[in-house]
Amino acid sequence: MNKRKQTLAPGEIVPLSFDYVFAAIFNNPDNIDLIEYFLSDYLKIPYNKIKGNVTIQPRDLKLEHKKDKNIQVDLVIRFGQEKINIELSNRGSEYITERNLVSACSIHGRRLKYGDNDYTHIERTLQIQLNNFRCNEKDIKESYFLTNEKGEILSKKFQIDIIDMVLGSKLWYTSKDERIMKWCKVFTSTTEKELKEAIGDDLMSRESNEKLVDEIDKYSKDEEIVGLFMELPKKVLEQNTYIEEARLKGVEQGKSETVKNMFHKGFDMETIMEITELSKEHVEQIEKGLSEN
């Protein structure tokens, strides 16, 4: 029996908030202009000062600990001497927060170049976390620095920005001139009509506007991409079920049972750690017990 094709409804698109499409479009050197326009709006720097000064960097971060796998980030770019890591998340958890922090620290820790005799040449590392869920209390953007208990900033060369795209998309309708809000709407649009309305005539140049629409349209017509995208709601529902199951059964016993069920369902190690908030060693111990039985 042939598997039924998974298709979008007429007018629907795979949104940029789907991390695969986001990474595929923005990690393409042919689309460097899209990144430049976004940075121009985000950093509030004229486009002519951004253009030609942005390069895409390797996505793989090699970690020092042998037990850790390489982390692949969504997008790393260099603007002048600054490094900017853009991460996209569709759900929040302590695990995701820690993972993004490790990524930012890894990138910043490699700013010291071979042959440097001191730290005076280290430039800023900025991580922009685009969150497609409510995460900020009232502001679209919240910036985090290393500070002491008095709130005094230790260094402005390491910065993490949290962007609440859900809030930005909601407020965009009443504040359409706010560029960050406009981009939030662009990233989260789920129909071609919404996307074109958010892009308008002035988001980028006419050529870049059309390119972005065409790129999203291309991936929205790709059966494999659409299938992956449409599978997400089912996985999220399953994950929420496992979380509730753990809560009802009790923390430790419930989480152990949940881990076993998730291994049987084929969930990977990182997803299990994220949902249960158990350590890698704990999850590996449960997995070992399963293989011995």
C-alpha atoms as a PDB file:
ATOM      1  CA  MET A   1       0.000   0.000   0.000  1.00  0.00           C
ATOM      2  CA  ASN A   2       1.410   3.381  -1.020  1.00  0.00           C
ATOM      3  CA  LYS A   3       1.954   5.917   1.701  1.00  0.00           C
ATOM      4  CA  ARG A   4      -0.420   8.855   1.348  1.00  0.00           C
ATOM      5  CA  LYS A   5       1.294  12.040   0.257  1.00  0.00           C
ATOM      6  CA  GLN A   6       1.450  14.768   2.845  1.00  0.00           C
ATOM      7  CA  THR A   7       0.585  18.115   1.308  1.00  0.00           C
ATOM      8  CA  LEU A   8      -0.077  21.619   2.530  1.00  0.00           C
ATOM      9  CA  ALA A   9      -3.449  23.258   2.088  1.00  0.00           C
ATOM     10  CA  PRO A  10      -3.743  25.748  -0.800  1.00  0.00           C
ATOM     11  CA  GLY A  11      -1.908  28.947   0.130  1.00  0.00           C
ATOM     12  CA  GLU A  12      -0.029  27.379   3.054  1.00  0.00           C
ATOM     13  CA  ILE A  13       3.775  27.444   3.235  1.00  0.00           C
ATOM     14  CA  VAL A  14       6.456  25.807   5.322  1.00  0.00           C
ATOM     15  CA  PRO A  15       7.425  28.754   7.564  1.00  0.00           C
ATOM     16  CA  LEU A  16      10.923  30.027   8.139  1.00  0.00           C
ATOM     17  CA  SER A  17      10.424  29.052  11.785  1.00  0.00           C
ATOM     18  CA  PHE A  18      10.918  25.442  10.644  1.00  0.00           C
ATOM     19  CA  ASP A  19      14.615  25.127  11.426  1.00  0.00           C
ATOM     20  CA  TYR A  20      15.498  23.006   8.394  1.00  0.00           C
ATOM     21  CA  VAL A  21      14.135  25.621   5.971  1.00  0.00           C
ATOM     22  CA  PHE A  22      15.679  28.469   7.990  1.00  0.00           C
ATOM     23  CA  ALA A  23      19.118  26.848   7.897  1.00  0.00           C
ATOM     24  CA  ALA A  24      18.847  25.853   4.229  1.00  0.00           C
ATOM     25  CA  ILE A  25      17.940  29.361   3.086  1.00  0.00           C
ATOM     26  CA  PHE A  26      20.200  31.442   5.310  1.00  0.00           C
ATOM     27  CA  ASN A  27      23.294  29.221   5.104  1.00  0.00           C
ATOM     28  CA  ASN A  28      23.317  29.577   1.328  1.00  0.00           C
ATOM     29  CA  PRO A  29      26.005  32.052   0.137  1.00  0.00           C
ATOM     30  CA  ASP A  30      23.717  32.954  -2.768  1.00  0.00           C
ATOM     31  CA  ASN A  31      21.296  34.371  -0.192  1.00  0.00           C
ATOM     32  CA  ILE A  32      23.829  36.473   1.701  1.00  0.00           C
ATOM     33  CA  ASP A  33      21.774  39.580   0.851  1.00  0.00           C
ATOM     34  CA  LEU A  34      18.879  38.249   2.960  1.00  0.00           C
ATOM     35  CA  ILE A  35      21.190  37.986   5.989  1.00  0.00           C
ATOM     36  CA  GLU A  36      22.601  41.442   5.311  1.00  0.00           C
ATOM     37  CA  TYR A  37      19.151  43.032   5.251  1.00  0.00           C
ATOM     38  CA  PHE A  38      18.156  41.252   8.463  1.00  0.00           C
ATOM     39  CA  LEU A  39      21.331  42.376  10.233  1.00  0.00           C
ATOM     40  CA  SER A  40      20.873  45.931   8.976  1.00  0.00           C
ATOM     41  CA  ASP A  41      17.459  46.076  10.627  1.00  0.00           C
ATOM     42  CA  TYR A  42      18.464  44.151  13.732  1.00  0.00           C
ATOM     43  CA  LEU A  43      21.662  46.067  14.470  1.00  0.00           C
ATOM     44  CA  LYS A  44      20.161  49.355  13.192  1.00  0.00           C
ATOM     45  CA  ILE A  45      23.083  49.911  10.859  1.00  0.00           C
ATOM     46  CA  PRO A  46      22.567  51.309   7.336  1.00  0.00           C
ATOM     47  CA  TYR A  47      22.474  48.561   4.728  1.00  0.00           C
ATOM     48  CA  ASN A  48      25.340  50.076   2.723  1.00  0.00           C
ATOM     49  CA  LYS A  49      27.603  49.620   5.764  1.00  0.00           C
ATOM     50  CA  ILE A  50      26.538  45.968   6.107  1.00  0.00           C
ATOM     51  CA  LYS A  51      26.660  44.921   2.460  1.00  0.00           C
ATOM     52  CA  GLY A  52      29.823  43.046   1.543  1.00  0.00           C
ATOM     53  CA  ASN A  53      30.979  42.775   5.155  1.00  0.00           C
ATOM     54  CA  VAL A  54      29.106  39.581   6.101  1.00  0.00           C
ATOM     55  CA  THR A  55      30.411  36.042   5.620  1.00  0.00           C
ATOM     56  CA  ILE A  56      28.842  32.705   6.543  1.00  0.00           C
ATOM     57  CA  GLN A  57      30.931  30.622   8.972  1.00  0.00           C
ATOM     58  CA  PRO A  58      31.074  26.810   9.472  1.00  0.00           C
ATOM     59  CA  ARG A  59      28.119  25.497  11.503  1.00  0.00           C
ATOM     60  CA  ASP A  60      29.887  22.642  13.304  1.00  0.00           C
ATOM     61  CA  LEU A  61      31.375  23.418  16.711  1.00  0.00           C
ATOM     62  CA  LYS A  62      33.956  20.887  17.868  1.00  0.00           C
ATOM     63  CA  LEU A  63      33.746  20.433  21.613  1.00  0.00           C
ATOM     64  CA  GLU A  64      36.655  19.534  23.851  1.00  0.00           C
ATOM     65  CA  HIS A  65      35.013  16.777  25.907  1.00  0.00           C
ATOM     66  CA  LYS A  66      35.331  13.401  24.164  1.00  0.00           C
ATOM     67  CA  LYS A  67      31.865  12.311  25.277  1.00  0.00           C
ATOM     68  CA  ASP A  68      30.209  15.304  23.651  1.00  0.00           C
ATOM     69  CA  LYS A  69      29.142  15.222  20.032  1.00  0.00           C
ATOM     70  CA  ASN A  70      29.778  18.124  17.721  1.00  0.00           C
ATOM     71  CA  ILE A  71      27.069  20.766  17.968  1.00  0.00           C
ATOM     72  CA  GLN A  72      25.633  22.047  14.726  1.00  0.00           C
ATOM     73  CA  VAL A  73      24.226  25.531  15.119  1.00  0.00           C
ATOM     74  CA  ASP A  74      21.586  27.102  12.874  1.00  0.00           C
ATOM     75  CA  LEU A  75      23.661  29.983  11.513  1.00  0.00           C
ATOM     76  CA  VAL A  76      27.026  31.566  12.328  1.00  0.00           C
ATOM     77  CA  ILE A  77      28.127  34.687  10.496  1.00  0.00           C
ATOM     78  CA  ARG A  78      30.985  37.121  10.731  1.00  0.00           C
ATOM     79  CA  PHE A  79      30.241  40.818  10.441  1.00  0.00           C
ATOM     80  CA  GLY A  80      33.505  42.706  10.382  1.00  0.00           C
ATOM     81  CA  GLN A  81      35.334  41.301  13.405  1.00  0.00           C
ATOM     82  CA  GLU A  82      32.168  40.297  15.282  1.00  0.00           C
ATOM     83  CA  LYS A  83      30.758  36.782  15.287  1.00  0.00           C
ATOM     84  CA  ILE A  84      26.988  36.406  15.341  1.00  0.00           C
ATOM     85  CA  ASN A  85      25.275  33.101  16.077  1.00  0.00           C
ATOM     86  CA  ILE A  86      21.572  32.968  15.175  1.00  0.00           C
ATOM     87  CA  GLU A  87      19.616  30.132  16.775  1.00  0.00           C
ATOM     88  CA  LEU A  88      15.989  29.229  16.070  1.00  0.00           C
ATOM     89  CA  SER A  89      13.858  27.367  18.638  1.00  0.00           C
ATOM     90  CA  ASN A  90      10.249  26.239  18.420  1.00  0.00           C
ATOM     91  CA  ARG A  91       9.929  25.051  21.993  1.00  0.00           C
ATOM     92  CA  GLY A  92      11.528  26.092  25.246  1.00  0.00           C
ATOM     93  CA  SER A  93      13.250  23.987  27.862  1.00  0.00           C
ATOM     94  CA  GLU A  94      16.167  24.151  30.257  1.00  0.00           C
ATOM     95  CA  TYR A  95      18.060  21.807  27.920  1.00  0.00           C
ATOM     96  CA  ILE A  96      17.653  24.113  24.904  1.00  0.00           C
ATOM     97  CA  THR A  97      18.782  27.106  26.979  1.00  0.00           C
ATOM     98  CA  GLU A  98      21.905  25.289  28.170  1.00  0.00           C
ATOM     99  CA  ARG A  99      22.651  23.999  24.670  1.00  0.00           C
ATOM    100  CA  ASN A 100      22.491  27.507  23.206  1.00  0.00           C
ATOM    101  CA  LEU A 101      24.683  28.814  26.008  1.00  0.00           C
ATOM    102  CA  VAL A 102      27.303  26.135  25.302  1.00  0.00           C
ATOM    103  CA  SER A 103      27.210  27.098  21.606  1.00  0.00           C
ATOM    104  CA  ALA A 104      27.733  30.793  22.390  1.00  0.00           C
ATOM    105  CA  CYS A 105      30.556  30.067  24.833  1.00  0.00           C
ATOM    106  CA  SER A 106      32.228  27.725  22.346  1.00  0.00           C
ATOM    107  CA  ILE A 107      32.138  30.375  19.627  1.00  0.00           C
ATOM    108  CA  HIS A 108      33.407  33.105  21.963  1.00  0.00           C
ATOM    109  CA  GLY A 109      36.132  30.859  23.370  1.00  0.00           C
ATOM    110  CA  ARG A 110      37.634  30.517  19.912  1.00  0.00           C
ATOM    111  CA  ARG A 111      37.973  34.255  19.337  1.00  0.00           C
ATOM    112  CA  LEU A 112      41.594  34.174  20.525  1.00  0.00           C
ATOM    113  CA  LYS A 113      43.619  33.623  17.352  1.00  0.00           C
ATOM    114  CA  TYR A 114      46.787  31.571  17.107  1.00  0.00           C
ATOM    115  CA  GLY A 115      49.757  33.794  17.821  1.00  0.00           C
ATOM    116  CA  ASP A 116      47.834  36.355  19.902  1.00  0.00           C
ATOM    117  CA  ASN A 117      49.785  37.276  23.032  1.00  0.00           C
ATOM    118  CA  ASP A 118      46.881  38.842  24.918  1.00  0.00           C
ATOM    119  CA  TYR A 119      43.101  39.215  24.894  1.00  0.00           C
ATOM    120  CA  THR A 120      42.874  42.816  23.686  1.00  0.00           C
ATOM    121  CA  HIS A 121      41.972  41.812  20.130  1.00  0.00           C
ATOM    122  CA  ILE A 122      38.926  39.720  21.057  1.00  0.00           C
ATOM    123  CA  GLU A 123      35.772  41.185  19.512  1.00  0.00           C
ATOM    124  CA  ARG A 124      32.131  40.766  20.472  1.00  0.00           C
ATOM    125  CA  THR A 125      30.238  37.500  20.167  1.00  0.00           C
ATOM    126  CA  LEU A 126      26.478  37.980  19.816  1.00  0.00           C
ATOM    127  CA  GLN A 127      23.959  35.161  19.952  1.00  0.00           C
ATOM    128  CA  ILE A 128      20.463  35.965  18.664  1.00  0.00           C
ATOM    129  CA  GLN A 129      17.910  33.428  19.851  1.00  0.00           C
ATOM    130  CA  LEU A 130      14.766  33.551  17.719  1.00  0.00           C
ATOM    131  CA  ASN A 131      12.136  31.817  19.855  1.00  0.00           C
ATOM    132  CA  ASN A 132       8.845  30.791  18.280  1.00  0.00           C
ATOM    133  CA  PHE A 133       7.107  30.623  21.659  1.00  0.00           C
ATOM    134  CA  ARG A 134       6.307  33.075  24.449  1.00  0.00           C
ATOM    135  CA  CYS A 135       9.482  33.561  26.453  1.00  0.00           C
ATOM    136  CA  ASN A 136       9.750  37.247  27.416  1.00  0.00           C
ATOM    137  CA  GLU A 137       7.468  38.940  29.916  1.00  0.00           C
ATOM    138  CA  LYS A 138       6.714  42.123  27.994  1.00  0.00           C
ATOM    139  CA  ASP A 139       9.563  43.008  25.624  1.00  0.00           C
ATOM    140  CA  ILE A 140      10.189  41.501  22.210  1.00  0.00           C
ATOM    141  CA  LYS A 141      13.948  41.550  22.807  1.00  0.00           C
ATOM    142  CA  GLU A 142      15.803  40.943  26.061  1.00  0.00           C
ATOM    143  CA  SER A 143      19.613  41.171  26.161  1.00  0.00           C
ATOM    144  CA  TYR A 144      21.773  39.216  28.608  1.00  0.00           C
ATOM    145  CA  PHE A 145      25.359  39.928  29.671  1.00  0.00           C
ATOM    146  CA  LEU A 146      27.762  38.626  32.297  1.00  0.00           C
ATOM    147  CA  THR A 147      27.006  40.708  35.402  1.00  0.00           C
ATOM    148  CA  ASN A 148      27.633  40.715  39.142  1.00  0.00           C
ATOM    149  CA  GLU A 149      24.936  40.672  41.831  1.00  0.00           C
ATOM    150  CA  LYS A 150      24.602  44.460  41.508  1.00  0.00           C
ATOM    151  CA  GLY A 151      23.809  44.169  37.817  1.00  0.00           C
ATOM    152  CA  GLU A 152      27.129  45.680  36.767  1.00  0.00           C
ATOM    153  CA  ILE A 153      28.250  44.305  33.386  1.00  0.00           C
ATOM    154  CA  LEU A 154      31.557  42.463  33.425  1.00  0.00           C
ATOM    155  CA  SER A 155      32.002  42.482  29.626  1.00  0.00           C
ATOM    156  CA  LYS A 156      29.919  43.700  26.703  1.00  0.00           C
ATOM    157  CA  LYS A 157      31.859  41.462  24.343  1.00  0.00           C
ATOM    158  CA  PHE A 158      29.633  38.468  25.151  1.00  0.00           C
ATOM    159  CA  GLN A 159      25.921  39.069  24.599  1.00  0.00           C
ATOM    160  CA  ILE A 160      22.854  36.861  24.209  1.00  0.00           C
ATOM    161  CA  ASP A 161      19.621  38.336  22.854  1.00  0.00           C
ATOM    162  CA  ILE A 162      16.307  36.516  23.357  1.00  0.00           C
ATOM    163  CA  ILE A 163      13.673  37.384  20.746  1.00  0.00           C
ATOM    164  CA  ASP A 164      10.031  36.535  21.461  1.00  0.00           C
ATOM    165  CA  MET A 165       8.772  36.043  17.888  1.00  0.00           C
ATOM    166  CA  VAL A 166       5.238  35.197  19.022  1.00  0.00           C
ATOM    167  CA  LEU A 167       4.948  38.551  20.784  1.00  0.00           C
ATOM    168  CA  GLY A 168       6.619  40.326  17.870  1.00  0.00           C
ATOM    169  CA  SER A 169       4.230  38.780  15.364  1.00  0.00           C
ATOM    170  CA  LYS A 170       1.244  39.736  17.484  1.00  0.00           C
ATOM    171  CA  LEU A 171       2.305  43.361  17.944  1.00  0.00           C
ATOM    172  CA  TRP A 172       3.306  43.716  14.297  1.00  0.00           C
ATOM    173  CA  TYR A 173      -0.273  44.388  13.284  1.00  0.00           C
ATOM    174  CA  THR A 174      -0.321  47.589  15.344  1.00  0.00           C
ATOM    175  CA  SER A 175       3.347  48.570  14.895  1.00  0.00           C
ATOM    176  CA  LYS A 176       4.148  47.724  11.280  1.00  0.00           C
ATOM    177  CA  ASP A 177       6.994  50.233  11.155  1.00  0.00           C
ATOM    178  CA  GLU A 178       8.993  48.331  13.774  1.00  0.00           C
ATOM    179  CA  ARG A 179      11.541  46.362  11.781  1.00  0.00           C
ATOM    180  CA  ILE A 180      12.142  43.568  14.325  1.00  0.00           C
ATOM    181  CA  MET A 181       8.400  42.970  14.569  1.00  0.00           C
ATOM    182  CA  LYS A 182       8.202  42.803  10.781  1.00  0.00           C
ATOM    183  CA  TRP A 183      10.924  40.152  10.679  1.00  0.00           C
ATOM    184  CA  CYS A 184       9.169  38.198  13.450  1.00  0.00           C
ATOM    185  CA  LYS A 185       6.088  38.091  11.244  1.00  0.00           C
ATOM    186  CA  VAL A 186       8.165  37.054   8.228  1.00  0.00           C
ATOM    187  CA  PHE A 187       9.774  34.194  10.180  1.00  0.00           C
ATOM    188  CA  THR A 188       6.457  32.885  11.531  1.00  0.00           C
ATOM    189  CA  SER A 189       4.119  33.367   8.547  1.00  0.00           C
ATOM    190  CA  THR A 190       2.352  30.126   7.623  1.00  0.00           C
ATOM    191  CA  THR A 191       0.599  31.289   4.453  1.00  0.00           C
ATOM    192  CA  GLU A 192       1.882  32.976   1.309  1.00  0.00           C
ATOM    193  CA  LYS A 193      -0.554  35.829   1.867  1.00  0.00           C
ATOM    194  CA  GLU A 194       0.782  36.508   5.373  1.00  0.00           C
ATOM    195  CA  LEU A 195       4.374  36.283   4.143  1.00  0.00           C
ATOM    196  CA  LYS A 196       3.902  38.744   1.283  1.00  0.00           C
ATOM    197  CA  GLU A 197       1.986  41.132   3.543  1.00  0.00           C
ATOM    198  CA  ALA A 198       4.799  41.063   6.112  1.00  0.00           C
ATOM    199  CA  ILE A 199       7.521  41.521   3.490  1.00  0.00           C
ATOM    200  CA  GLY A 200       5.625  44.351   1.830  1.00  0.00           C
ATOM    201  CA  ASP A 201       7.558  46.605  -0.547  1.00  0.00           C
ATOM    202  CA  ASP A 202      10.192  47.881   1.851  1.00  0.00           C
ATOM    203  CA  LEU A 203      11.614  44.957   3.825  1.00  0.00           C
ATOM    204  CA  MET A 204      14.466  44.548   1.352  1.00  0.00           C
ATOM    205  CA  SER A 205      15.121  45.366  -2.277  1.00  0.00           C
ATOM    206  CA  ARG A 206      12.547  44.122  -4.788  1.00  0.00           C
ATOM    207  CA  GLU A 207      14.966  41.436  -5.990  1.00  0.00           C
ATOM    208  CA  SER A 208      15.673  40.196  -2.439  1.00  0.00           C
ATOM    209  CA  ASN A 209      11.970  40.262  -1.502  1.00  0.00           C
ATOM    210  CA  GLU A 210      11.124  38.100  -4.510  1.00  0.00           C
ATOM    211  CA  LYS A 211      14.060  35.782  -3.807  1.00  0.00           C
ATOM    212  CA  LEU A 212      12.886  35.104  -0.245  1.00  0.00           C
ATOM    213  CA  VAL A 213       9.339  34.330  -1.429  1.00  0.00           C
ATOM    214  CA  ASP A 214      10.679  32.038  -4.163  1.00  0.00           C
ATOM    215  CA  GLU A 215      12.993  30.202  -1.755  1.00  0.00           C
ATOM    216  CA  ILE A 216      10.189  29.517   0.721  1.00  0.00           C
ATOM    217  CA  ASP A 217       7.883  28.489  -2.132  1.00  0.00           C
ATOM    218  CA  LYS A 218      10.524  26.028  -3.383  1.00  0.00           C
ATOM    219  CA  TYR A 219      10.792  24.265  -0.023  1.00  0.00           C
ATOM    220  CA  SER A 220       7.016  24.359   0.464  1.00  0.00           C
ATOM    221  CA  LYS A 221       6.674  22.295  -2.733  1.00  0.00           C
ATOM    222  CA  ASP A 222       9.302  19.751  -1.711  1.00  0.00           C
ATOM    223  CA  GLU A 223       7.428  16.597  -0.630  1.00  0.00           C
ATOM    224  CA  GLU A 224      10.197  15.443   1.715  1.00  0.00           C
ATOM    225  CA  ILE A 225      10.431  18.816   3.463  1.00  0.00           C
ATOM    226  CA  VAL A 226       6.661  19.083   3.763  1.00  0.00           C
ATOM    227  CA  GLY A 227       6.526  15.566   5.216  1.00  0.00           C
ATOM    228  CA  LEU A 228       9.146  16.451   7.853  1.00  0.00           C
ATOM    229  CA  PHE A 229       7.336  19.662   8.712  1.00  0.00           C
ATOM    230  CA  MET A 230       3.915  18.017   9.049  1.00  0.00           C
ATOM    231  CA  GLU A 231       5.359  15.304  11.279  1.00  0.00           C
ATOM    232  CA  LEU A 232       6.366  17.883  13.913  1.00  0.00           C
ATOM    233  CA  PRO A 233       2.911  18.416  15.505  1.00  0.00           C
ATOM    234  CA  LYS A 234       2.609  14.678  16.075  1.00  0.00           C
ATOM    235  CA  LYS A 235       6.030  14.546  17.749  1.00  0.00           C
ATOM    236  CA  VAL A 236       5.240  17.551  19.937  1.00  0.00           C
ATOM    237  CA  LEU A 237       1.963  15.894  20.997  1.00  0.00           C
ATOM    238  CA  GLU A 238       3.821  12.689  21.873  1.00  0.00           C
ATOM    239  CA  GLN A 239       6.422  14.610  23.842  1.00  0.00           C
ATOM    240  CA  ASN A 240       3.750  16.477  25.814  1.00  0.00           C
ATOM    241  CA  THR A 241       2.107  13.127  26.567  1.00  0.00           C
ATOM    242  CA  TYR A 242       5.357  11.737  27.959  1.00  0.00           C
ATOM    243  CA  ILE A 243       5.886  14.838  30.098  1.00  0.00           C
ATOM    244  CA  GLU A 244       2.390  14.535  31.580  1.00  0.00           C
ATOM    245  CA  GLU A 245       2.930  10.812  32.116  1.00  0.00           C
ATOM    246  CA  ALA A 246       6.077  11.500  34.119  1.00  0.00           C
ATOM    247  CA  ARG A 247       4.290  14.115  36.217  1.00  0.00           C
ATOM    248  CA  LEU A 248       1.428  11.771  37.111  1.00  0.00           C
ATOM    249  CA  LYS A 249       3.659   8.824  37.994  1.00  0.00           C
ATOM    250  CA  GLY A 250       6.079  10.783  40.125  1.00  0.00           C
ATOM    251  CA  VAL A 251       9.324  12.474  39.216  1.00  0.00           C
ATOM    252  CA  GLU A 252      12.038   9.799  39.341  1.00  0.00           C
ATOM    253  CA  GLN A 253      10.019   6.646  38.705  1.00  0.00           C
ATOM    254  CA  GLY A 254       7.919   8.434  36.101  1.00  0.00           C
ATOM    255  CA  LYS A 255      10.911   9.786  34.230  1.00  0.00           C
ATOM    256  CA  SER A 256      12.587   6.372  34.149  1.00  0.00           C
ATOM    257  CA  GLU A 257       9.470   4.798  32.670  1.00  0.00           C
ATOM    258  CA  THR A 258       9.164   7.679  30.234  1.00  0.00           C
ATOM    259  CA  VAL A 259      12.764   7.202  29.071  1.00  0.00           C
ATOM    260  CA  LYS A 260      12.108   3.504  28.428  1.00  0.00           C
ATOM    261  CA  ASN A 261       8.970   4.282  26.442  1.00  0.00           C
ATOM    262  CA  MET A 262      10.756   6.926  24.403  1.00  0.00           C
ATOM    263  CA  PHE A 263      13.623   4.576  23.528  1.00  0.00           C
ATOM    264  CA  HIS A 264      11.060   2.011  22.354  1.00  0.00           C
ATOM    265  CA  LYS A 265       9.461   4.730  20.199  1.00  0.00           C
ATOM    266  CA  GLY A 266      12.808   5.579  18.620  1.00  0.00           C
ATOM    267  CA  PHE A 267      13.467   8.985  20.221  1.00  0.00           C
ATOM    268  CA  ASP A 268      17.108  10.065  20.123  1.00  0.00           C
ATOM    269  CA  MET A 269      19.241  10.705  23.202  1.00  0.00           C
ATOM    270  CA  GLU A 270      19.185  14.523  22.988  1.00  0.00           C
ATOM    271  CA  THR A 271      15.383  14.684  22.692  1.00  0.00           C
ATOM    272  CA  ILE A 272      14.969  12.362  25.692  1.00  0.00           C
ATOM    273  CA  MET A 273      17.358  14.483  27.777  1.00  0.00           C
ATOM    274  CA  GLU A 274      15.526  17.641  26.743  1.00  0.00           C
ATOM    275  CA  ILE A 275      12.068  16.347  27.700  1.00  0.00           C
ATOM    276  CA  THR A 276      12.945  14.529  30.930  1.00  0.00           C
ATOM    277  CA  GLU A 277      15.704  16.965  32.013  1.00  0.00           C
ATOM    278  CA  LEU A 278      17.775  13.967  33.113  1.00  0.00           C
ATOM    279  CA  SER A 279      21.559  13.893  32.742  1.00  0.00           C
ATOM    280  CA  LYS A 280      23.185  12.062  29.850  1.00  0.00           C
ATOM    281  CA  GLU A 281      24.703   9.565  32.303  1.00  0.00           C
ATOM    282  CA  HIS A 282      21.274   8.798  33.812  1.00  0.00           C
ATOM    283  CA  VAL A 283      19.669   8.270  30.407  1.00  0.00           C
ATOM    284  CA  GLU A 284      22.580   6.087  29.248  1.00  0.00           C
ATOM    285  CA  GLN A 285      22.206   3.973  32.400  1.00  0.00           C
ATOM    286  CA  ILE A 286      18.525   3.363  31.636  1.00  0.00           C
ATOM    287  CA  GLU A 287      19.373   2.549  28.008  1.00  0.00           C
ATOM    288  CA  LYS A 288      22.019   0.074  29.161  1.00  0.00           C
ATOM    289  CA  GLY A 289      19.443  -1.606  31.416  1.00  0.00           C
ATOM    290  CA  LEU A 290      17.105  -2.019  28.451  1.00  0.00           C
ATOM    291  CA  SER A 291      19.787  -3.645  26.301  1.00  0.00           C
ATOM    292  CA  GLU A 292      20.676  -6.103  29.074  1.00  0.00           C
ATOM    293  CA  ASN A 293      17.073  -7.268  29.509  1.00  0.00           C
END
